[in-house]
Amino acid sequence: MIAIAENLRAEKSWRELIRALIQELGKLLPDRVRLVVALPSPEDRLYDSNVLVVLDEHDPEATMLVMRAAVRAEDRLGVGGVLSPLIVGPEDRDAVERFREHGGKVLEGKEE
């Protein structure tokens, strides 16, 4: 089951971009995305990133697909260079906690 939460205080354009990213991730990496955590605004940065993507397994091919999804999401909304994803595997719980501590909201996650 997928759990979705959205930070309604975030700018509408940022929320739309994150939703577009999630849709593109679903197309390119079906069943591989465990969690997406976005910081409150695109200007916020943690580890030089503004969105965390947790995959079932972190590998070079999946990293390229996440980056492709980010570009496609930006293209759909007519922006560029806004998304800066940090891509990790499920073992990197520190990254998840740090993103949450910095105001990040879980936008998509598989409940286990």
PDB file of N, CA and C in Angstrom:
ATOM      1  N   MET A   1       0.831  -1.178   0.000  1.00  0.00           N
ATOM      2  CA  MET A   1       0.000   0.000   0.000  1.00  0.00           C
ATOM      3  C   MET A   1       0.873   1.238   0.000  1.00  0.00           C
ATOM      4  N   ILE A   2       0.450   2.254  -0.734  1.00  0.00           N
ATOM      5  CA  ILE A   2       1.205   3.501  -0.841  1.00  0.00           C
ATOM      6  C   ILE A   2       0.629   4.531   0.121  1.00  0.00           C
ATOM      7  N   ALA A   3       1.488   5.163   0.899  1.00  0.00           N
ATOM      8  CA  ALA A   3       1.092   6.256   1.784  1.00  0.00           C
ATOM      9  C   ALA A   3       1.562   7.557   1.148  1.00  0.00           C
ATOM     10  N   ILE A   4       0.683   8.547   1.089  1.00  0.00           N
ATOM     11  CA  ILE A   4       1.050   9.828   0.485  1.00  0.00           C
ATOM     12  C   ILE A   4       0.682  10.945   1.441  1.00  0.00           C
ATOM     13  N   ALA A   5       1.607  11.876   1.665  1.00  0.00           N
ATOM     14  CA  ALA A   5       1.373  13.077   2.462  1.00  0.00           C
ATOM     15  C   ALA A   5       1.948  14.245   1.693  1.00  0.00           C
ATOM     16  N   GLU A   6       1.353  15.404   1.861  1.00  0.00           N
ATOM     17  CA  GLU A   6       1.830  16.561   1.113  1.00  0.00           C
ATOM     18  C   GLU A   6       1.887  17.767   2.036  1.00  0.00           C
ATOM     19  N   ASN A   7       2.943  18.544   1.937  1.00  0.00           N
ATOM     20  CA  ASN A   7       3.102  19.756   2.727  1.00  0.00           C
ATOM     21  C   ASN A   7       2.327  20.878   2.044  1.00  0.00           C
ATOM     22  N   LEU A   8       1.142  21.174   2.538  1.00  0.00           N
ATOM     23  CA  LEU A   8       0.283  22.172   1.906  1.00  0.00           C
ATOM     24  C   LEU A   8       0.797  23.592   2.088  1.00  0.00           C
ATOM     25  N   ARG A   9       1.798  23.776   2.927  1.00  0.00           N
ATOM     26  CA  ARG A   9       2.406  25.103   3.086  1.00  0.00           C
ATOM     27  C   ARG A   9       3.461  25.378   2.016  1.00  0.00           C
ATOM     28  N   ALA A  10       3.877  24.342   1.347  1.00  0.00           N
ATOM     29  CA  ALA A  10       4.868  24.514   0.272  1.00  0.00           C
ATOM     30  C   ALA A  10       4.207  25.185  -0.924  1.00  0.00           C
ATOM     31  N   GLU A  11       5.022  25.876  -1.708  1.00  0.00           N
ATOM     32  CA  GLU A  11       4.506  26.528  -2.910  1.00  0.00           C
ATOM     33  C   GLU A  11       3.827  25.511  -3.819  1.00  0.00           C
ATOM     34  N   LYS A  12       2.743  25.937  -4.432  1.00  0.00           N
ATOM     35  CA  LYS A  12       1.981  25.053  -5.316  1.00  0.00           C
ATOM     36  C   LYS A  12       2.866  24.523  -6.443  1.00  0.00           C
ATOM     37  N   SER A  13       3.697  25.365  -7.021  1.00  0.00           N
ATOM     38  CA  SER A  13       4.542  24.930  -8.139  1.00  0.00           C
ATOM     39  C   SER A  13       5.534  23.853  -7.700  1.00  0.00           C
ATOM     40  N   TRP A  14       6.027  23.941  -6.461  1.00  0.00           N
ATOM     41  CA  TRP A  14       6.943  22.930  -5.931  1.00  0.00           C
ATOM     42  C   TRP A  14       6.195  21.616  -5.718  1.00  0.00           C
ATOM     43  N   ARG A  15       5.007  21.693  -5.150  1.00  0.00           N
ATOM     44  CA  ARG A  15       4.207  20.480  -4.949  1.00  0.00           C
ATOM     45  C   ARG A  15       3.884  19.814  -6.278  1.00  0.00           C
ATOM     46  N   GLU A  16       3.533  20.604  -7.279  1.00  0.00           N
ATOM     47  CA  GLU A  16       3.233  20.049  -8.602  1.00  0.00           C
ATOM     48  C   GLU A  16       4.458  19.377  -9.215  1.00  0.00           C
ATOM     49  N   LEU A  17       5.622  19.986  -9.032  1.00  0.00           N
ATOM     50  CA  LEU A  17       6.849  19.405  -9.576  1.00  0.00           C
ATOM     51  C   LEU A  17       7.176  18.082  -8.892  1.00  0.00           C
ATOM     52  N   ILE A  18       7.000  18.023  -7.594  1.00  0.00           N
ATOM     53  CA  ILE A  18       7.260  16.774  -6.869  1.00  0.00           C
ATOM     54  C   ILE A  18       6.269  15.698  -7.302  1.00  0.00           C
ATOM     55  N   ARG A  19       5.006  16.067  -7.484  1.00  0.00           N
ATOM     56  CA  ARG A  19       4.017  15.085  -7.960  1.00  0.00           C
ATOM     57  C   ARG A  19       4.390  14.581  -9.354  1.00  0.00           C
ATOM     58  N   ALA A  20       4.864  15.493 -10.222  1.00  0.00           N
ATOM     59  CA  ALA A  20       5.292  15.085 -11.566  1.00  0.00           C
ATOM     60  C   ALA A  20       6.490  14.138 -11.474  1.00  0.00           C
ATOM     61  N   LEU A  21       7.413  14.423 -10.562  1.00  0.00           N
ATOM     62  CA  LEU A  21       8.561  13.532 -10.358  1.00  0.00           C
ATOM     63  C   LEU A  21       8.094  12.145  -9.930  1.00  0.00           C
ATOM     64  N   ILE A  22       7.167  12.086  -8.994  1.00  0.00           N
ATOM     65  CA  ILE A  22       6.665  10.795  -8.521  1.00  0.00           C
ATOM     66  C   ILE A  22       6.019  10.025  -9.664  1.00  0.00           C
ATOM     67  N   GLN A  23       5.266  10.705 -10.505  1.00  0.00           N
ATOM     68  CA  GLN A  23       4.645  10.036 -11.655  1.00  0.00           C
ATOM     69  C   GLN A  23       5.698   9.483 -12.607  1.00  0.00           C
ATOM     70  N   GLU A  24       6.726  10.274 -12.884  1.00  0.00           N
ATOM     71  CA  GLU A  24       7.790   9.815 -13.783  1.00  0.00           C
ATOM     72  C   GLU A  24       8.570   8.659 -13.167  1.00  0.00           C
ATOM     73  N   LEU A  25       8.812   8.722 -11.869  1.00  0.00           N
ATOM     74  CA  LEU A  25       9.492   7.609 -11.198  1.00  0.00           C
ATOM     75  C   LEU A  25       8.670   6.334 -11.321  1.00  0.00           C
ATOM     76  N   GLY A  26       7.361   6.466 -11.206  1.00  0.00           N
ATOM     77  CA  GLY A  26       6.486   5.306 -11.343  1.00  0.00           C
ATOM     78  C   GLY A  26       6.557   4.680 -12.722  1.00  0.00           C
ATOM     79  N   LYS A  27       6.759   5.513 -13.736  1.00  0.00           N
ATOM     80  CA  LYS A  27       6.871   4.998 -15.106  1.00  0.00           C
ATOM     81  C   LYS A  27       8.225   4.321 -15.345  1.00  0.00           C
ATOM     82  N   LEU A  28       9.286   4.957 -14.860  1.00  0.00           N
ATOM     83  CA  LEU A  28      10.637   4.465 -15.157  1.00  0.00           C
ATOM     84  C   LEU A  28      11.142   3.404 -14.176  1.00  0.00           C
ATOM     85  N   LEU A  29      10.659   3.461 -12.950  1.00  0.00           N
ATOM     86  CA  LEU A  29      11.137   2.541 -11.909  1.00  0.00           C
ATOM     87  C   LEU A  29       9.955   1.933 -11.153  1.00  0.00           C
ATOM     88  N   PRO A  30       9.048   1.260 -11.861  1.00  0.00           N
ATOM     89  CA  PRO A  30       7.892   0.697 -11.170  1.00  0.00           C
ATOM     90  C   PRO A  30       8.328  -0.282 -10.085  1.00  0.00           C
ATOM     91  N   ASP A  31       7.737  -0.139  -8.922  1.00  0.00           N
ATOM     92  CA  ASP A  31       7.997  -1.014  -7.776  1.00  0.00           C
ATOM     93  C   ASP A  31       9.414  -0.916  -7.216  1.00  0.00           C
ATOM     94  N   ARG A  32      10.180   0.083  -7.622  1.00  0.00           N
ATOM     95  CA  ARG A  32      11.540   0.225  -7.087  1.00  0.00           C
ATOM     96  C   ARG A  32      11.643   1.354  -6.079  1.00  0.00           C
ATOM     97  N   VAL A  33      10.716   2.306  -6.122  1.00  0.00           N
ATOM     98  CA  VAL A  33      10.781   3.470  -5.239  1.00  0.00           C
ATOM     99  C   VAL A  33      10.116   3.124  -3.916  1.00  0.00           C
ATOM    100  N   ARG A  34      10.886   3.263  -2.846  1.00  0.00           N
ATOM    101  CA  ARG A  34      10.344   2.983  -1.508  1.00  0.00           C
ATOM    102  C   ARG A  34       9.826   4.251  -0.848  1.00  0.00           C
ATOM    103  N   LEU A  35      10.479   5.390  -1.141  1.00  0.00           N
ATOM    104  CA  LEU A  35      10.138   6.606  -0.420  1.00  0.00           C
ATOM    105  C   LEU A  35      10.615   7.822  -1.203  1.00  0.00           C
ATOM    106  N   VAL A  36       9.817   8.882  -1.176  1.00  0.00           N
ATOM    107  CA  VAL A  36      10.221  10.178  -1.711  1.00  0.00           C
ATOM    108  C   VAL A  36       9.959  11.197  -0.613  1.00  0.00           C
ATOM    109  N   VAL A  37      10.977  11.959  -0.236  1.00  0.00           N
ATOM    110  CA  VAL A  37      10.843  12.985   0.799  1.00  0.00           C
ATOM    111  C   VAL A  37      11.335  14.297   0.197  1.00  0.00           C
ATOM    112  N   ALA A  38      10.441  15.286   0.144  1.00  0.00           N
ATOM    113  CA  ALA A  38      10.804  16.594  -0.411  1.00  0.00           C
ATOM    114  C   ALA A  38      10.973  17.602   0.711  1.00  0.00           C
ATOM    115  N   LEU A  39      11.994  18.434   0.610  1.00  0.00           N
ATOM    116  CA  LEU A  39      12.155  19.531   1.552  1.00  0.00           C
ATOM    117  C   LEU A  39      11.065  20.566   1.285  1.00  0.00           C
ATOM    118  N   PRO A  40      10.822  21.493   2.218  1.00  0.00           N
ATOM    119  CA  PRO A  40       9.695  22.423   2.083  1.00  0.00           C
ATOM    120  C   PRO A  40       9.714  23.317   0.846  1.00  0.00           C
ATOM    121  N   SER A  41      10.884  23.611   0.314  1.00  0.00           N
ATOM    122  CA  SER A  41      10.943  24.445  -0.890  1.00  0.00           C
ATOM    123  C   SER A  41      12.125  24.011  -1.754  1.00  0.00           C
ATOM    124  N   PRO A  42      12.091  24.360  -3.034  1.00  0.00           N
ATOM    125  CA  PRO A  42      13.207  23.961  -3.906  1.00  0.00           C
ATOM    126  C   PRO A  42      14.522  24.634  -3.542  1.00  0.00           C
ATOM    127  N   GLU A  43      14.453  25.761  -2.838  1.00  0.00           N
ATOM    128  CA  GLU A  43      15.676  26.455  -2.436  1.00  0.00           C
ATOM    129  C   GLU A  43      16.355  25.797  -1.245  1.00  0.00           C
ATOM    130  N   ASP A  44      15.591  25.032  -0.454  1.00  0.00           N
ATOM    131  CA  ASP A  44      16.168  24.326   0.691  1.00  0.00           C
ATOM    132  C   ASP A  44      17.099  23.236   0.184  1.00  0.00           C
ATOM    133  N   ARG A  45      18.202  23.036   0.899  1.00  0.00           N
ATOM    134  CA  ARG A  45      19.167  22.024   0.490  1.00  0.00           C
ATOM    135  C   ARG A  45      19.684  21.264   1.700  1.00  0.00           C
ATOM    136  N   LEU A  46      19.851  19.977   1.504  1.00  0.00           N
ATOM    137  CA  LEU A  46      20.485  19.096   2.468  1.00  0.00           C
ATOM    138  C   LEU A  46      21.311  18.136   1.644  1.00  0.00           C
ATOM    139  N   TYR A  47      22.594  18.031   1.938  1.00  0.00           N
ATOM    140  CA  TYR A  47      23.513  17.247   1.101  1.00  0.00           C
ATOM    141  C   TYR A  47      23.435  17.746  -0.347  1.00  0.00           C
ATOM    142  N   ASP A  48      23.247  19.049  -0.524  1.00  0.00           N
ATOM    143  CA  ASP A  48      23.137  19.697  -1.837  1.00  0.00           C
ATOM    144  C   ASP A  48      21.943  19.166  -2.637  1.00  0.00           C
ATOM    145  N   SER A  49      20.905  18.687  -1.948  1.00  0.00           N
ATOM    146  CA  SER A  49      19.720  18.127  -2.596  1.00  0.00           C
ATOM    147  C   SER A  49      18.461  18.690  -1.950  1.00  0.00           C
ATOM    148  N   ASN A  50      17.360  18.675  -2.715  1.00  0.00           N
ATOM    149  CA  ASN A  50      16.094  19.158  -2.170  1.00  0.00           C
ATOM    150  C   ASN A  50      15.000  18.091  -2.155  1.00  0.00           C
ATOM    151  N   VAL A  51      15.330  16.914  -2.648  1.00  0.00           N
ATOM    152  CA  VAL A  51      14.383  15.790  -2.607  1.00  0.00           C
ATOM    153  C   VAL A  51      15.175  14.498  -2.457  1.00  0.00           C
ATOM    154  N   LEU A  52      14.688  13.637  -1.582  1.00  0.00           N
ATOM    155  CA  LEU A  52      15.331  12.349  -1.321  1.00  0.00           C
ATOM    156  C   LEU A  52      14.517  11.256  -1.990  1.00  0.00           C
ATOM    157  N   VAL A  53      15.192  10.381  -2.730  1.00  0.00           N
ATOM    158  CA  VAL A  53      14.542   9.238  -3.367  1.00  0.00           C
ATOM    159  C   VAL A  53      15.202   7.986  -2.821  1.00  0.00           C
ATOM    160  N   VAL A  54      14.412   7.169  -2.128  1.00  0.00           N
ATOM    161  CA  VAL A  54      14.911   5.911  -1.565  1.00  0.00           C
ATOM    162  C   VAL A  54      14.432   4.779  -2.468  1.00  0.00           C
ATOM    163  N   LEU A  55      15.380   4.027  -2.984  1.00  0.00           N
ATOM    164  CA  LEU A  55      15.084   2.904  -3.872  1.00  0.00           C
ATOM    165  C   LEU A  55      15.234   1.585  -3.132  1.00  0.00           C
ATOM    166  N   ASP A  56      14.648   0.538  -3.688  1.00  0.00           N
ATOM    167  CA  ASP A  56      14.793  -0.778  -3.075  1.00  0.00           C
ATOM    168  C   ASP A  56      16.242  -1.245  -3.106  1.00  0.00           C
ATOM    169  N   GLU A  57      16.984  -0.768  -4.105  1.00  0.00           N
ATOM    170  CA  GLU A  57      18.411  -1.060  -4.223  1.00  0.00           C
ATOM    171  C   GLU A  57      19.047   0.076  -5.007  1.00  0.00           C
ATOM    172  N   HIS A  58      20.139   0.617  -4.474  1.00  0.00           N
ATOM    173  CA  HIS A  58      20.815   1.730  -5.125  1.00  0.00           C
ATOM    174  C   HIS A  58      21.883   1.188  -6.071  1.00  0.00           C
ATOM    175  N   ASP A  59      21.712   1.455  -7.371  1.00  0.00           N
ATOM    176  CA  ASP A  59      22.688   1.010  -8.362  1.00  0.00           C
ATOM    177  C   ASP A  59      22.800   2.092  -9.439  1.00  0.00           C
ATOM    178  N   PRO A  60      23.870   2.070 -10.240  1.00  0.00           N
ATOM    179  CA  PRO A  60      24.090   3.113 -11.243  1.00  0.00           C
ATOM    180  C   PRO A  60      22.954   3.251 -12.262  1.00  0.00           C
ATOM    181  N   GLU A  61      22.388   2.146 -12.706  1.00  0.00           N
ATOM    182  CA  GLU A  61      21.301   2.214 -13.688  1.00  0.00           C
ATOM    183  C   GLU A  61      20.083   2.922 -13.096  1.00  0.00           C
ATOM    184  N   ALA A  62      19.746   2.581 -11.866  1.00  0.00           N
ATOM    185  CA  ALA A  62      18.604   3.211 -11.208  1.00  0.00           C
ATOM    186  C   ALA A  62      18.865   4.701 -10.985  1.00  0.00           C
ATOM    187  N   THR A  63      20.102   5.058 -10.652  1.00  0.00           N
ATOM    188  CA  THR A  63      20.448   6.474 -10.476  1.00  0.00           C
ATOM    189  C   THR A  63      20.192   7.245 -11.760  1.00  0.00           C
ATOM    190  N   MET A  64      20.596   6.691 -12.878  1.00  0.00           N
ATOM    191  CA  MET A  64      20.366   7.353 -14.172  1.00  0.00           C
ATOM    192  C   MET A  64      18.870   7.495 -14.448  1.00  0.00           C
ATOM    193  N   LEU A  65      18.078   6.488 -14.094  1.00  0.00           N
ATOM    194  CA  LEU A  65      16.637   6.555 -14.316  1.00  0.00           C
ATOM    195  C   LEU A  65      15.966   7.597 -13.428  1.00  0.00           C
ATOM    196  N   VAL A  66      16.447   7.746 -12.196  1.00  0.00           N
ATOM    197  CA  VAL A  66      15.909   8.795 -11.318  1.00  0.00           C
ATOM    198  C   VAL A  66      16.220  10.170 -11.915  1.00  0.00           C
ATOM    199  N   MET A  67      17.438  10.346 -12.399  1.00  0.00           N
ATOM    200  CA  MET A  67      17.801  11.629 -13.000  1.00  0.00           C
ATOM    201  C   MET A  67      16.971  11.892 -14.256  1.00  0.00           C
ATOM    202  N   ARG A  68      16.725  10.871 -15.034  1.00  0.00           N
ATOM    203  CA  ARG A  68      15.876  11.016 -16.223  1.00  0.00           C
ATOM    204  C   ARG A  68      14.457  11.413 -15.816  1.00  0.00           C
ATOM    205  N   ALA A  69      13.949  10.796 -14.754  1.00  0.00           N
ATOM    206  CA  ALA A  69      12.617  11.135 -14.257  1.00  0.00           C
ATOM    207  C   ALA A  69      12.561  12.602 -13.818  1.00  0.00           C
ATOM    208  N   ALA A  70      13.622  13.072 -13.172  1.00  0.00           N
ATOM    209  CA  ALA A  70      13.669  14.474 -12.733  1.00  0.00           C
ATOM    210  C   ALA A  70      13.635  15.419 -13.930  1.00  0.00           C
ATOM    211  N   VAL A  71      14.404  15.114 -14.960  1.00  0.00           N
ATOM    212  CA  VAL A  71      14.420  15.955 -16.163  1.00  0.00           C
ATOM    213  C   VAL A  71      13.058  15.944 -16.845  1.00  0.00           C
ATOM    214  N   ARG A  72      12.454  14.779 -16.938  1.00  0.00           N
ATOM    215  CA  ARG A  72      11.122  14.669 -17.566  1.00  0.00           C
ATOM    216  C   ARG A  72      10.080  15.465 -16.782  1.00  0.00           C
ATOM    217  N   ALA A  73      10.127  15.386 -15.464  1.00  0.00           N
ATOM    218  CA  ALA A  73       9.183  16.129 -14.625  1.00  0.00           C
ATOM    219  C   ALA A  73       9.355  17.630 -14.840  1.00  0.00           C
ATOM    220  N   GLU A  74      10.594  18.074 -14.871  1.00  0.00           N
ATOM    221  CA  GLU A  74      10.860  19.496 -15.106  1.00  0.00           C
ATOM    222  C   GLU A  74      10.399  19.909 -16.502  1.00  0.00           C
ATOM    223  N   ASP A  75      10.671  19.098 -17.499  1.00  0.00           N
ATOM    224  CA  ASP A  75      10.236  19.402 -18.868  1.00  0.00           C
ATOM    225  C   ASP A  75       8.723  19.542 -18.953  1.00  0.00           C
ATOM    226  N   ARG A  76       8.010  18.648 -18.272  1.00  0.00           N
ATOM    227  CA  ARG A  76       6.544  18.695 -18.284  1.00  0.00           C
ATOM    228  C   ARG A  76       6.002  20.019 -17.765  1.00  0.00           C
ATOM    229  N   LEU A  77       6.706  20.581 -16.786  1.00  0.00           N
ATOM    230  CA  LEU A  77       6.237  21.823 -16.168  1.00  0.00           C
ATOM    231  C   LEU A  77       6.981  23.047 -16.676  1.00  0.00           C
ATOM    232  N   GLY A  78       7.851  22.871 -17.644  1.00  0.00           N
ATOM    233  CA  GLY A  78       8.533  23.998 -18.260  1.00  0.00           C
ATOM    234  C   GLY A  78       9.565  24.680 -17.383  1.00  0.00           C
ATOM    235  N   VAL A  79      10.222  23.912 -16.517  1.00  0.00           N
ATOM    236  CA  VAL A  79      11.288  24.452 -15.672  1.00  0.00           C
ATOM    237  C   VAL A  79      12.545  23.627 -15.885  1.00  0.00           C
ATOM    238  N   GLY A  80      13.649  24.111 -15.388  1.00  0.00           N
ATOM    239  CA  GLY A  80      14.893  23.365 -15.516  1.00  0.00           C
ATOM    240  C   GLY A  80      15.817  23.649 -14.351  1.00  0.00           C
ATOM    241  N   GLY A  81      16.531  22.624 -13.907  1.00  0.00           N
ATOM    242  CA  GLY A  81      17.522  22.782 -12.856  1.00  0.00           C
ATOM    243  C   GLY A  81      16.946  23.019 -11.475  1.00  0.00           C
ATOM    244  N   VAL A  82      15.704  22.636 -11.260  1.00  0.00           N
ATOM    245  CA  VAL A  82      15.064  22.853  -9.959  1.00  0.00           C
ATOM    246  C   VAL A  82      15.250  21.641  -9.058  1.00  0.00           C
ATOM    247  N   LEU A  83      14.981  20.464  -9.580  1.00  0.00           N
ATOM    248  CA  LEU A  83      15.094  19.233  -8.791  1.00  0.00           C
ATOM    249  C   LEU A  83      16.551  18.826  -8.624  1.00  0.00           C
ATOM    250  N   SER A  84      16.902  18.526  -7.397  1.00  0.00           N
ATOM    251  CA  SER A  84      18.246  18.044  -7.099  1.00  0.00           C
ATOM    252  C   SER A  84      18.120  16.834  -6.169  1.00  0.00           C
ATOM    253  N   PRO A  85      17.868  15.653  -6.761  1.00  0.00           N
ATOM    254  CA  PRO A  85      17.600  14.482  -5.918  1.00  0.00           C
ATOM    255  C   PRO A  85      18.850  13.860  -5.307  1.00  0.00           C
ATOM    256  N   LEU A  86      18.678  13.402  -4.073  1.00  0.00           N
ATOM    257  CA  LEU A  86      19.660  12.538  -3.430  1.00  0.00           C
ATOM    258  C   LEU A  86      19.074  11.143  -3.521  1.00  0.00           C
ATOM    259  N   ILE A  87      19.817  10.217  -4.076  1.00  0.00           N
ATOM    260  CA  ILE A  87      19.322   8.871  -4.337  1.00  0.00           C
ATOM    261  C   ILE A  87      20.069   7.901  -3.435  1.00  0.00           C
ATOM    262  N   VAL A  88      19.312   7.151  -2.638  1.00  0.00           N
ATOM    263  CA  VAL A  88      19.927   6.228  -1.684  1.00  0.00           C
ATOM    264  C   VAL A  88      19.180   4.898  -1.692  1.00  0.00           C
ATOM    265  N   GLY A  89      19.786   3.921  -1.056  1.00  0.00           N
ATOM    266  CA  GLY A  89      19.149   2.628  -0.845  1.00  0.00           C
ATOM    267  C   GLY A  89      18.455   2.604   0.504  1.00  0.00           C
ATOM    268  N   PRO A  90      17.733   1.531   0.795  1.00  0.00           N
ATOM    269  CA  PRO A  90      16.944   1.457   2.030  1.00  0.00           C
ATOM    270  C   PRO A  90      17.784   1.439   3.305  1.00  0.00           C
ATOM    271  N   GLU A  91      19.043   1.101   3.180  1.00  0.00           N
ATOM    272  CA  GLU A  91      19.893   1.036   4.363  1.00  0.00           C
ATOM    273  C   GLU A  91      20.312   2.412   4.877  1.00  0.00           C
ATOM    274  N   ASP A  92      20.103   3.466   4.095  1.00  0.00           N
ATOM    275  CA  ASP A  92      20.543   4.814   4.476  1.00  0.00           C
ATOM    276  C   ASP A  92      19.457   5.539   5.272  1.00  0.00           C
ATOM    277  N   ARG A  93      19.195   5.038   6.461  1.00  0.00           N
ATOM    278  CA  ARG A  93      18.166   5.628   7.320  1.00  0.00           C
ATOM    279  C   ARG A  93      18.563   7.020   7.812  1.00  0.00           C
ATOM    280  N   ASP A  94      19.863   7.287   7.905  1.00  0.00           N
ATOM    281  CA  ASP A  94      20.314   8.608   8.340  1.00  0.00           C
ATOM    282  C   ASP A  94      19.826   9.698   7.396  1.00  0.00           C
ATOM    283  N   ALA A  95      19.892   9.444   6.091  1.00  0.00           N
ATOM    284  CA  ALA A  95      19.441  10.443   5.121  1.00  0.00           C
ATOM    285  C   ALA A  95      17.951  10.720   5.290  1.00  0.00           C
ATOM    286  N   VAL A  96      17.159   9.674   5.492  1.00  0.00           N
ATOM    287  CA  VAL A  96      15.715   9.851   5.681  1.00  0.00           C
ATOM    288  C   VAL A  96      15.454  10.707   6.919  1.00  0.00           C
ATOM    289  N   GLU A  97      16.106  10.387   8.020  1.00  0.00           N
ATOM    290  CA  GLU A  97      15.908  11.142   9.260  1.00  0.00           C
ATOM    291  C   GLU A  97      16.344  12.592   9.110  1.00  0.00           C
ATOM    292  N   ARG A  98      17.467  12.817   8.459  1.00  0.00           N
ATOM    293  CA  ARG A  98      17.958  14.193   8.263  1.00  0.00           C
ATOM    294  C   ARG A  98      16.981  14.996   7.409  1.00  0.00           C
ATOM    295  N   PHE A  99      16.447  14.401   6.349  1.00  0.00           N
ATOM    296  CA  PHE A  99      15.481  15.113   5.516  1.00  0.00           C
ATOM    297  C   PHE A  99      14.225  15.440   6.321  1.00  0.00           C
ATOM    298  N   ARG A 100      13.766  14.510   7.122  1.00  0.00           N
ATOM    299  CA  ARG A 100      12.582  14.772   7.949  1.00  0.00           C
ATOM    300  C   ARG A 100      12.862  15.850   8.978  1.00  0.00           C
ATOM    301  N   GLU A 101      14.038  15.830   9.586  1.00  0.00           N
ATOM    302  CA  GLU A 101      14.415  16.848  10.567  1.00  0.00           C
ATOM    303  C   GLU A 101      14.424  18.245   9.953  1.00  0.00           C
ATOM    304  N   HIS A 102      14.754  18.312   8.686  1.00  0.00           N
ATOM    305  CA  HIS A 102      14.830  19.607   7.996  1.00  0.00           C
ATOM    306  C   HIS A 102      13.496  20.003   7.356  1.00  0.00           C
ATOM    307  N   GLY A 103      12.432  19.428   7.845  1.00  0.00           N
ATOM    308  CA  GLY A 103      11.103  19.833   7.394  1.00  0.00           C
ATOM    309  C   GLY A 103      10.584  19.086   6.200  1.00  0.00           C
ATOM    310  N   GLY A 104      11.311  18.062   5.767  1.00  0.00           N
ATOM    311  CA  GLY A 104      10.849  17.289   4.623  1.00  0.00           C
ATOM    312  C   GLY A 104       9.612  16.493   4.938  1.00  0.00           C
ATOM    313  N   LYS A 105       8.733  16.373   3.976  1.00  0.00           N
ATOM    314  CA  LYS A 105       7.510  15.609   4.133  1.00  0.00           C
ATOM    315  C   LYS A 105       7.585  14.376   3.236  1.00  0.00           C
ATOM    316  N   VAL A 106       7.130  13.275   3.747  1.00  0.00           N
ATOM    317  CA  VAL A 106       7.072  12.052   2.957  1.00  0.00           C
ATOM    318  C   VAL A 106       5.968  12.251   1.920  1.00  0.00           C
ATOM    319  N   LEU A 107       6.326  12.173   0.658  1.00  0.00           N
ATOM    320  CA  LEU A 107       5.351  12.367  -0.398  1.00  0.00           C
ATOM    321  C   LEU A 107       4.903  11.056  -0.989  1.00  0.00           C
ATOM    322  N   GLU A 108       5.703  10.063  -0.903  1.00  0.00           N
ATOM    323  CA  GLU A 108       5.263   8.740  -1.330  1.00  0.00           C
ATOM    324  C   GLU A 108       6.110   7.737  -0.606  1.00  0.00           C
ATOM    325  N   GLY A 109       5.470   6.713  -0.121  1.00  0.00           N
ATOM    326  CA  GLY A 109       6.225   5.667   0.551  1.00  0.00           C
ATOM    327  C   GLY A 109       5.416   4.400   0.640  1.00  0.00           C
ATOM    328  N   LYS A 110       6.082   3.305   0.553  1.00  0.00           N
ATOM    329  CA  LYS A 110       5.418   2.017   0.700  1.00  0.00           C
ATOM    330  C   LYS A 110       5.360   1.680   2.171  1.00  0.00           C
ATOM    331  N   GLU A 111       4.187   1.462   2.654  1.00  0.00           N
ATOM    332  CA  GLU A 111       4.049   1.022   4.036  1.00  0.00           C
ATOM    333  C   GLU A 111       4.394  -0.446   4.110  1.00  0.00           C
ATOM    334  N   GLU A 112       5.144  -0.809   5.139  1.00  0.00           N
ATOM    335  CA  GLU A 112       5.543  -2.218   5.265  1.00  0.00           C
ATOM    336  C   GLU A 112       5.057  -2.783   6.565  1.00  0.00           C
TER     337      GLU A 112
END
